[in-house]
Amino acid sequence: MTKTEQESKRSIAEWVTFSIASFILAIIVSLVGYTWLNDKNQPPIISVTKKETIRQIDGQFYVSFEVMNKGGDTAESVQIIAELVIDGKVAASGEQQIDFLSSGESEEGAFVFSQNPSQGQLNLRIASYKLP
């Protein structure tokens, strides 16, 4: 063998390193392609649901909720409003703000009332959001 033939041969370590790097690159390229093909291209679709249990601690009533973004885009500054209506009048209201809610993400929180929410009607709604 000549000197150039010996220099051009690759060692097993070089082939293993090359194979691992190629495998990682193939994974990255396929994940980018998958994300690009499955991009929903739709605005945020935000929903809020009230949890069934109401906790009472020290005369305060805690109403848990979950907010979910079912849309394609991310939403910022998601504003949730709760109104407790007793005898046709708004007896108490509360407001929560979630800073960041990406596609498919959900967040949980709670509203705190001094009156029992089961004595009236509790309305939860999404008031606003902004796009990043």
N, C-alpha and C. Protein backbone atom coordinates (compact mmCIF):
# COMPACT_ATOMS: atom_id res chain seq x y z
N MET A 1 0.83 -1.18 0.00
CA MET A 1 0.00 0.00 0.00
C MET A 1 0.87 1.24 0.00
N THR A 2 0.41 2.19 -0.73
CA THR A 2 1.15 3.44 -0.75
C THR A 2 0.70 4.29 0.43
N LYS A 3 1.42 5.36 0.64
CA LYS A 3 1.13 6.24 1.77
C LYS A 3 -0.23 6.92 1.63
N THR A 4 -0.64 7.29 0.43
CA THR A 4 -1.93 7.96 0.24
C THR A 4 -3.10 7.00 0.47
N GLU A 5 -2.94 5.69 0.17
CA GLU A 5 -3.98 4.72 0.42
C GLU A 5 -4.19 4.52 1.91
N GLN A 6 -3.11 4.53 2.68
CA GLN A 6 -3.22 4.37 4.13
C GLN A 6 -3.89 5.59 4.77
N GLU A 7 -3.59 6.77 4.26
CA GLU A 7 -4.18 7.99 4.82
C GLU A 7 -5.66 8.10 4.48
N SER A 8 -6.09 7.56 3.34
CA SER A 8 -7.49 7.69 2.92
C SER A 8 -8.40 6.67 3.61
N LYS A 9 -7.86 5.63 4.19
CA LYS A 9 -8.69 4.66 4.90
C LYS A 9 -9.16 5.27 6.20
N ARG A 10 -10.42 5.01 6.52
CA ARG A 10 -11.01 5.54 7.75
C ARG A 10 -10.96 4.47 8.83
N SER A 11 -10.75 4.93 10.06
CA SER A 11 -10.74 3.99 11.18
C SER A 11 -12.18 3.71 11.60
N ILE A 12 -12.35 2.69 12.42
CA ILE A 12 -13.68 2.34 12.90
C ILE A 12 -14.27 3.48 13.73
N ALA A 13 -13.47 4.15 14.52
CA ALA A 13 -13.95 5.27 15.34
C ALA A 13 -14.48 6.40 14.45
N GLU A 14 -13.79 6.66 13.35
CA GLU A 14 -14.26 7.71 12.44
C GLU A 14 -15.60 7.32 11.80
N TRP A 15 -15.76 6.05 11.41
CA TRP A 15 -17.00 5.61 10.81
C TRP A 15 -18.16 5.65 11.82
N VAL A 16 -17.88 5.26 13.07
CA VAL A 16 -18.91 5.30 14.11
C VAL A 16 -19.33 6.75 14.37
N THR A 17 -18.36 7.65 14.48
CA THR A 17 -18.66 9.06 14.71
C THR A 17 -19.45 9.64 13.54
N PHE A 18 -19.06 9.30 12.33
CA PHE A 18 -19.77 9.78 11.15
C PHE A 18 -21.21 9.25 11.13
N SER A 19 -21.39 7.98 11.47
CA SER A 19 -22.73 7.38 11.49
C SER A 19 -23.62 8.04 12.53
N ILE A 20 -23.11 8.29 13.71
CA ILE A 20 -23.89 8.93 14.77
C ILE A 20 -24.26 10.36 14.37
N ALA A 21 -23.32 11.10 13.83
CA ALA A 21 -23.60 12.48 13.40
C ALA A 21 -24.64 12.49 12.28
N SER A 22 -24.53 11.57 11.34
CA SER A 22 -25.51 11.49 10.25
C SER A 22 -26.90 11.13 10.76
N PHE A 23 -26.95 10.22 11.74
CA PHE A 23 -28.22 9.83 12.34
C PHE A 23 -28.88 11.01 13.05
N ILE A 24 -28.11 11.77 13.82
CA ILE A 24 -28.64 12.95 14.52
C ILE A 24 -29.12 13.99 13.51
N LEU A 25 -28.37 14.23 12.47
CA LEU A 25 -28.77 15.18 11.44
C LEU A 25 -30.05 14.74 10.75
N ALA A 26 -30.19 13.44 10.47
CA ALA A 26 -31.41 12.93 9.84
C ALA A 26 -32.62 13.11 10.75
N ILE A 27 -32.45 12.91 12.04
CA ILE A 27 -33.55 13.11 12.99
C ILE A 27 -33.97 14.58 13.01
N ILE A 28 -33.02 15.48 13.06
CA ILE A 28 -33.33 16.91 13.10
C ILE A 28 -34.06 17.33 11.82
N VAL A 29 -33.58 16.90 10.68
CA VAL A 29 -34.22 17.26 9.41
C VAL A 29 -35.64 16.68 9.34
N SER A 30 -35.83 15.45 9.79
CA SER A 30 -37.17 14.86 9.74
C SER A 30 -38.12 15.54 10.72
N LEU A 31 -37.66 15.96 11.90
CA LEU A 31 -38.52 16.68 12.84
C LEU A 31 -38.91 18.06 12.32
N VAL A 32 -37.99 18.75 11.68
CA VAL A 32 -38.32 20.04 11.08
C VAL A 32 -39.34 19.86 9.96
N GLY A 33 -39.17 18.84 9.13
CA GLY A 33 -40.12 18.56 8.07
C GLY A 33 -41.48 18.18 8.61
N TYR A 34 -41.52 17.38 9.66
CA TYR A 34 -42.79 16.98 10.27
C TYR A 34 -43.52 18.20 10.84
N THR A 35 -42.80 19.07 11.52
CA THR A 35 -43.40 20.29 12.08
C THR A 35 -43.92 21.18 10.97
N TRP A 36 -43.17 21.31 9.91
CA TRP A 36 -43.57 22.16 8.79
C TRP A 36 -44.83 21.61 8.11
N LEU A 37 -44.92 20.29 7.92
CA LEU A 37 -46.08 19.69 7.26
C LEU A 37 -47.32 19.72 8.13
N ASN A 38 -47.17 19.60 9.44
CA ASN A 38 -48.32 19.53 10.34
C ASN A 38 -48.65 20.86 11.01
N ASP A 39 -48.10 21.94 10.53
CA ASP A 39 -48.40 23.25 11.09
C ASP A 39 -49.87 23.58 10.82
N LYS A 40 -50.62 23.92 11.88
CA LYS A 40 -52.06 24.11 11.74
C LYS A 40 -52.44 25.44 11.08
N ASN A 41 -51.65 26.45 11.21
CA ASN A 41 -51.94 27.76 10.61
C ASN A 41 -53.34 28.26 10.93
N GLN A 42 -53.72 28.16 12.18
CA GLN A 42 -54.99 28.70 12.60
C GLN A 42 -54.78 29.50 13.88
N PRO A 43 -55.63 30.45 14.14
CA PRO A 43 -55.45 31.29 15.33
C PRO A 43 -55.68 30.48 16.60
N PRO A 44 -55.33 31.07 17.74
CA PRO A 44 -55.58 30.37 19.00
C PRO A 44 -57.08 30.13 19.20
N ILE A 45 -57.40 28.95 19.69
CA ILE A 45 -58.77 28.61 20.06
C ILE A 45 -58.71 28.28 21.55
N ILE A 46 -59.15 29.21 22.37
CA ILE A 46 -58.95 29.11 23.81
C ILE A 46 -60.27 28.79 24.49
N SER A 47 -60.24 27.80 25.37
CA SER A 47 -61.44 27.44 26.12
C SER A 47 -61.09 27.36 27.60
N VAL A 48 -62.11 27.61 28.43
CA VAL A 48 -61.94 27.53 29.88
C VAL A 48 -63.02 26.61 30.43
N THR A 49 -62.62 25.72 31.33
CA THR A 49 -63.56 24.81 31.97
C THR A 49 -63.39 24.88 33.47
N LYS A 50 -64.51 24.80 34.17
CA LYS A 50 -64.51 24.83 35.63
C LYS A 50 -64.38 23.41 36.15
N LYS A 51 -63.55 23.23 37.15
CA LYS A 51 -63.44 21.93 37.81
C LYS A 51 -64.66 21.74 38.70
N GLU A 52 -65.05 20.52 38.94
CA GLU A 52 -66.28 20.23 39.68
C GLU A 52 -66.19 20.56 41.17
N THR A 53 -65.05 20.37 41.76
CA THR A 53 -64.95 20.54 43.21
C THR A 53 -64.70 22.00 43.57
N ILE A 54 -65.42 22.45 44.60
CA ILE A 54 -65.21 23.78 45.17
C ILE A 54 -64.69 23.56 46.58
N ARG A 55 -63.51 24.07 46.86
CA ARG A 55 -62.91 23.91 48.18
C ARG A 55 -63.29 25.11 49.05
N GLN A 56 -63.56 24.84 50.32
CA GLN A 56 -63.82 25.91 51.27
C GLN A 56 -62.77 25.85 52.36
N ILE A 57 -62.01 26.95 52.49
CA ILE A 57 -60.96 27.04 53.50
C ILE A 57 -61.05 28.42 54.14
N ASP A 58 -61.20 28.45 55.45
CA ASP A 58 -61.26 29.70 56.22
C ASP A 58 -62.27 30.70 55.66
N GLY A 59 -63.44 30.22 55.31
CA GLY A 59 -64.49 31.11 54.83
C GLY A 59 -64.32 31.57 53.38
N GLN A 60 -63.32 31.09 52.70
CA GLN A 60 -63.08 31.41 51.29
C GLN A 60 -63.42 30.20 50.44
N PHE A 61 -63.96 30.45 49.27
CA PHE A 61 -64.35 29.38 48.35
C PHE A 61 -63.44 29.42 47.13
N TYR A 62 -62.75 28.30 46.88
CA TYR A 62 -61.78 28.20 45.78
C TYR A 62 -62.41 27.41 44.64
N VAL A 63 -62.50 28.04 43.49
CA VAL A 63 -63.06 27.41 42.30
C VAL A 63 -61.93 27.21 41.30
N SER A 64 -61.56 25.96 41.07
CA SER A 64 -60.47 25.64 40.15
C SER A 64 -60.96 25.66 38.71
N PHE A 65 -60.05 26.02 37.80
CA PHE A 65 -60.39 26.04 36.38
C PHE A 65 -59.18 25.60 35.57
N GLU A 66 -59.44 25.27 34.31
CA GLU A 66 -58.38 24.90 33.37
C GLU A 66 -58.60 25.65 32.07
N VAL A 67 -57.54 26.25 31.56
CA VAL A 67 -57.58 26.97 30.29
C VAL A 67 -56.74 26.18 29.29
N MET A 68 -57.28 25.98 28.07
CA MET A 68 -56.56 25.21 27.05
C MET A 68 -56.59 25.95 25.72
N ASN A 69 -55.45 25.91 25.03
CA ASN A 69 -55.34 26.46 23.68
C ASN A 69 -55.39 25.30 22.70
N LYS A 70 -56.50 25.17 21.98
CA LYS A 70 -56.68 24.09 21.02
C LYS A 70 -56.33 24.52 19.60
N GLY A 71 -55.94 25.78 19.44
CA GLY A 71 -55.62 26.31 18.11
C GLY A 71 -54.18 26.05 17.72
N GLY A 72 -53.77 26.67 16.63
CA GLY A 72 -52.43 26.45 16.09
C GLY A 72 -51.41 27.45 16.59
N ASP A 73 -51.82 28.70 16.81
CA ASP A 73 -50.88 29.74 17.20
C ASP A 73 -50.82 29.90 18.72
N THR A 74 -49.77 30.56 19.15
CA THR A 74 -49.58 30.85 20.57
C THR A 74 -50.37 32.10 20.94
N ALA A 75 -50.87 32.13 22.17
CA ALA A 75 -51.59 33.29 22.69
C ALA A 75 -50.83 33.84 23.89
N GLU A 76 -50.78 35.16 23.97
CA GLU A 76 -50.15 35.84 25.12
C GLU A 76 -51.22 36.62 25.86
N SER A 77 -50.97 36.87 27.11
CA SER A 77 -51.84 37.70 27.96
C SER A 77 -53.30 37.25 27.88
N VAL A 78 -53.53 35.98 28.10
CA VAL A 78 -54.88 35.42 28.07
C VAL A 78 -55.61 35.87 29.34
N GLN A 79 -56.73 36.53 29.16
CA GLN A 79 -57.49 37.08 30.29
C GLN A 79 -58.75 36.24 30.50
N ILE A 80 -58.92 35.73 31.75
CA ILE A 80 -60.07 34.93 32.12
C ILE A 80 -60.87 35.71 33.15
N ILE A 81 -62.19 35.77 32.96
CA ILE A 81 -63.06 36.51 33.89
C ILE A 81 -64.09 35.54 34.46
N ALA A 82 -64.30 35.64 35.77
CA ALA A 82 -65.33 34.86 36.46
C ALA A 82 -66.32 35.81 37.10
N GLU A 83 -67.60 35.54 36.93
CA GLU A 83 -68.65 36.34 37.54
C GLU A 83 -69.58 35.41 38.31
N LEU A 84 -69.81 35.73 39.57
CA LEU A 84 -70.75 34.99 40.40
C LEU A 84 -72.05 35.77 40.45
N VAL A 85 -73.10 35.20 39.85
CA VAL A 85 -74.41 35.84 39.78
C VAL A 85 -75.34 35.18 40.80
N ILE A 86 -75.83 35.99 41.75
CA ILE A 86 -76.78 35.52 42.75
C ILE A 86 -78.01 36.41 42.68
N ASP A 87 -79.17 35.81 42.53
CA ASP A 87 -80.45 36.52 42.42
C ASP A 87 -80.44 37.55 41.28
N GLY A 88 -79.83 37.21 40.17
CA GLY A 88 -79.83 38.07 39.01
C GLY A 88 -78.84 39.22 39.05
N LYS A 89 -78.04 39.32 40.10
CA LYS A 89 -77.05 40.40 40.23
C LYS A 89 -75.66 39.80 40.37
N VAL A 90 -74.68 40.53 39.84
CA VAL A 90 -73.29 40.09 39.97
C VAL A 90 -72.85 40.36 41.40
N ALA A 91 -72.69 39.27 42.18
CA ALA A 91 -72.32 39.40 43.58
C ALA A 91 -70.80 39.53 43.74
N ALA A 92 -70.05 38.89 42.86
CA ALA A 92 -68.58 38.95 42.93
C ALA A 92 -68.02 38.64 41.55
N SER A 93 -66.87 39.17 41.29
CA SER A 93 -66.19 38.87 40.03
C SER A 93 -64.69 38.78 40.27
N GLY A 94 -64.03 38.11 39.38
CA GLY A 94 -62.58 37.96 39.48
C GLY A 94 -61.96 37.90 38.10
N GLU A 95 -60.68 38.15 38.05
CA GLU A 95 -59.95 38.17 36.78
C GLU A 95 -58.60 37.51 36.97
N GLN A 96 -58.22 36.69 36.00
CA GLN A 96 -56.91 36.05 35.97
C GLN A 96 -56.26 36.35 34.63
N GLN A 97 -54.95 36.36 34.61
CA GLN A 97 -54.24 36.54 33.35
C GLN A 97 -53.12 35.51 33.26
N ILE A 98 -53.09 34.83 32.14
CA ILE A 98 -52.03 33.85 31.88
C ILE A 98 -51.12 34.45 30.83
N ASP A 99 -49.84 34.50 31.14
CA ASP A 99 -48.87 35.19 30.29
C ASP A 99 -48.69 34.54 28.92
N PHE A 100 -48.64 33.20 28.88
CA PHE A 100 -48.22 32.52 27.65
C PHE A 100 -48.96 31.19 27.56
N LEU A 101 -49.58 30.92 26.42
CA LEU A 101 -50.29 29.67 26.21
C LEU A 101 -50.04 29.20 24.77
N SER A 102 -49.15 28.23 24.62
CA SER A 102 -48.82 27.76 23.27
C SER A 102 -49.85 26.75 22.79
N SER A 103 -49.74 26.35 21.55
CA SER A 103 -50.68 25.41 20.94
C SER A 103 -50.69 24.08 21.70
N GLY A 104 -51.88 23.63 22.09
CA GLY A 104 -52.00 22.36 22.80
C GLY A 104 -51.69 22.44 24.28
N GLU A 105 -51.30 23.58 24.77
CA GLU A 105 -50.93 23.73 26.18
C GLU A 105 -52.15 24.06 27.02
N SER A 106 -52.11 23.64 28.29
CA SER A 106 -53.18 23.99 29.22
C SER A 106 -52.55 24.48 30.53
N GLU A 107 -53.27 25.35 31.20
CA GLU A 107 -52.87 25.89 32.49
C GLU A 107 -54.03 25.76 33.46
N GLU A 108 -53.72 25.65 34.73
CA GLU A 108 -54.75 25.57 35.75
C GLU A 108 -54.59 26.72 36.73
N GLY A 109 -55.71 27.09 37.35
CA GLY A 109 -55.70 28.15 38.34
C GLY A 109 -56.95 28.06 39.18
N ALA A 110 -57.18 29.09 40.00
CA ALA A 110 -58.37 29.10 40.85
C ALA A 110 -58.82 30.53 41.08
N PHE A 111 -60.13 30.70 41.17
CA PHE A 111 -60.73 31.95 41.60
C PHE A 111 -61.14 31.78 43.06
N VAL A 112 -61.02 32.86 43.82
CA VAL A 112 -61.35 32.82 45.24
C VAL A 112 -62.51 33.78 45.49
N PHE A 113 -63.57 33.26 46.09
CA PHE A 113 -64.76 34.06 46.40
C PHE A 113 -65.04 34.02 47.90
N SER A 114 -65.66 35.08 48.39
CA SER A 114 -66.06 35.11 49.80
C SER A 114 -67.46 34.55 49.98
N GLN A 115 -68.23 34.45 48.89
CA GLN A 115 -69.56 33.86 48.92
C GLN A 115 -69.52 32.49 48.25
N ASN A 116 -70.42 31.62 48.66
CA ASN A 116 -70.46 30.27 48.12
C ASN A 116 -70.95 30.28 46.67
N PRO A 117 -70.12 29.86 45.72
CA PRO A 117 -70.53 29.85 44.30
C PRO A 117 -71.67 28.90 44.00
N SER A 118 -71.89 27.89 44.83
CA SER A 118 -72.98 26.95 44.57
C SER A 118 -74.34 27.57 44.89
N GLN A 119 -74.38 28.75 45.52
CA GLN A 119 -75.64 29.44 45.81
C GLN A 119 -76.11 30.28 44.62
N GLY A 120 -75.30 30.38 43.61
CA GLY A 120 -75.66 31.17 42.43
C GLY A 120 -75.15 30.51 41.17
N GLN A 121 -74.99 31.32 40.16
CA GLN A 121 -74.48 30.84 38.88
C GLN A 121 -73.10 31.45 38.65
N LEU A 122 -72.13 30.59 38.40
CA LEU A 122 -70.75 31.05 38.16
C LEU A 122 -70.48 30.99 36.66
N ASN A 123 -70.15 32.14 36.07
CA ASN A 123 -69.84 32.23 34.65
C ASN A 123 -68.34 32.45 34.47
N LEU A 124 -67.70 31.56 33.75
CA LEU A 124 -66.28 31.70 33.39
C LEU A 124 -66.20 31.95 31.89
N ARG A 125 -65.36 32.89 31.50
CA ARG A 125 -65.20 33.16 30.07
C ARG A 125 -63.81 33.72 29.79
N ILE A 126 -63.40 33.56 28.54
CA ILE A 126 -62.16 34.16 28.07
C ILE A 126 -62.52 35.56 27.58
N ALA A 127 -61.85 36.57 28.13
CA ALA A 127 -62.15 37.96 27.75
C ALA A 127 -61.29 38.42 26.59
N SER A 128 -60.00 38.07 26.60
CA SER A 128 -59.13 38.57 25.54
C SER A 128 -57.81 37.80 25.53
N TYR A 129 -57.06 37.98 24.45
CA TYR A 129 -55.69 37.49 24.33
C TYR A 129 -55.02 38.34 23.25
N LYS A 130 -53.69 38.22 23.16
CA LYS A 130 -52.99 38.89 22.07
C LYS A 130 -52.02 37.91 21.44
N LEU A 131 -51.70 38.16 20.19
CA LEU A 131 -50.75 37.32 19.47
C LEU A 131 -49.34 37.84 19.72
N PRO A 132 -48.39 36.93 19.85
CA PRO A 132 -46.99 37.37 20.08
C PRO A 132 -46.39 38.03 18.87
